[in-house]
Protein backbone atom coordinates (compact mmCIF):
# COMPACT_ATOMS: atom_id res chain seq x y z
CA MET A 1 94.24 154.63 248.58
CA GLU A 2 93.84 158.38 248.86
CA MET A 3 97.28 158.89 247.32
CA ILE A 4 96.28 156.81 244.29
CA LYS A 5 93.12 158.88 243.84
CA LYS A 6 95.13 162.12 243.98
CA THR A 7 97.67 160.81 241.48
CA VAL A 8 94.99 159.63 239.03
CA SER A 9 93.05 162.90 239.27
CA SER A 10 96.16 165.05 238.87
CA HIS A 11 97.59 163.03 235.95
CA PRO A 12 94.62 161.58 234.04
CA ASN A 13 96.45 161.06 230.73
CA LEU A 14 99.36 159.28 232.37
CA SER A 15 96.96 157.07 234.34
CA ALA A 16 94.97 156.26 231.20
CA TRP A 17 98.21 155.43 229.37
CA PHE A 18 99.24 153.05 232.14
CA VAL A 19 95.88 151.25 232.22
CA LEU A 20 95.61 151.01 228.41
CA ALA A 21 99.21 149.82 228.05
CA LEU A 22 98.74 147.21 230.76
CA GLY A 23 95.62 145.88 229.09
CA MET A 24 97.21 145.83 225.65
CA VAL A 25 100.34 144.04 226.91
CA LEU A 26 98.28 141.44 228.77
CA ILE A 27 96.23 140.73 225.64
CA LEU A 28 99.41 140.60 223.55
CA VAL A 29 101.12 138.14 225.87
CA TYR A 30 98.01 135.96 226.08
CA GLU A 31 97.45 135.85 222.33
CA ALA A 32 101.10 135.41 221.30
CA ARG A 33 102.15 132.95 224.00
CA ASP A 34 102.39 129.99 221.59
CA VAL A 35 104.04 131.82 218.69
CA GLY A 36 107.58 131.03 219.80
CA LEU A 37 109.05 134.51 219.95
CA GLN A 38 112.56 135.03 221.27
CA GLY A 39 113.42 137.30 224.20
CA MET A 40 114.38 140.38 222.19
CA GLN A 41 111.32 139.96 219.99
CA TRP A 42 109.12 139.99 223.09
CA PHE A 43 110.96 143.04 224.42
CA TRP A 44 110.50 145.08 221.26
CA LEU A 45 106.92 143.95 220.75
CA ILE A 46 105.96 144.95 224.30
CA LEU A 47 107.85 148.26 224.05
CA ILE A 48 106.13 149.19 220.79
CA THR A 49 102.77 148.18 222.27
CA ILE A 50 103.34 150.54 225.22
CA LEU A 51 104.29 153.35 222.84
CA VAL A 52 101.19 152.73 220.71
CA ALA A 53 99.04 152.94 223.85
CA GLY A 54 100.69 156.28 224.66
CA ALA A 55 100.02 157.55 221.14
CA CYS A 56 96.37 156.51 221.43
CA ILE A 57 95.93 158.42 224.70
CA TRP A 58 97.75 161.42 223.25
CA ILE A 59 95.46 161.49 220.21
CA VAL A 60 92.33 161.05 222.31
CA SER A 61 93.45 163.91 224.59
CA TRP A 62 93.59 166.38 221.66
CA GLY A 63 89.87 167.00 222.13
CA ASP A 64 90.31 167.81 225.84
CA SER A 65 91.94 171.18 225.20
CA ASP A 66 89.13 172.19 222.82
CA GLU A 67 86.49 171.42 225.45
CA ASP A 68 88.42 173.36 228.11
CA ALA A 69 88.68 176.38 225.82
CA GLU A 70 84.94 176.30 225.08
CA GLU A 71 84.04 176.08 228.79
CA GLY A 72 86.33 179.01 229.60
CA SER A 73 84.82 181.29 226.96
CA VAL A 74 81.20 180.78 228.09
């Protein structure tokens, strides 16, 4: 458990990406289960969903560097 805490605290963006991607994929699979997608369609849809989650975390993290710079200058 201690190793997980160290990993999450040392890589917060990667951890957030993993959690967001997992949640998004679970919602996607639940909502699209009866659509009748083929295997490759599922693969690409899940891959793009994971990449979108990464882009969301990347965009949200843009503000982190601004806050760090402000704290360092005070």
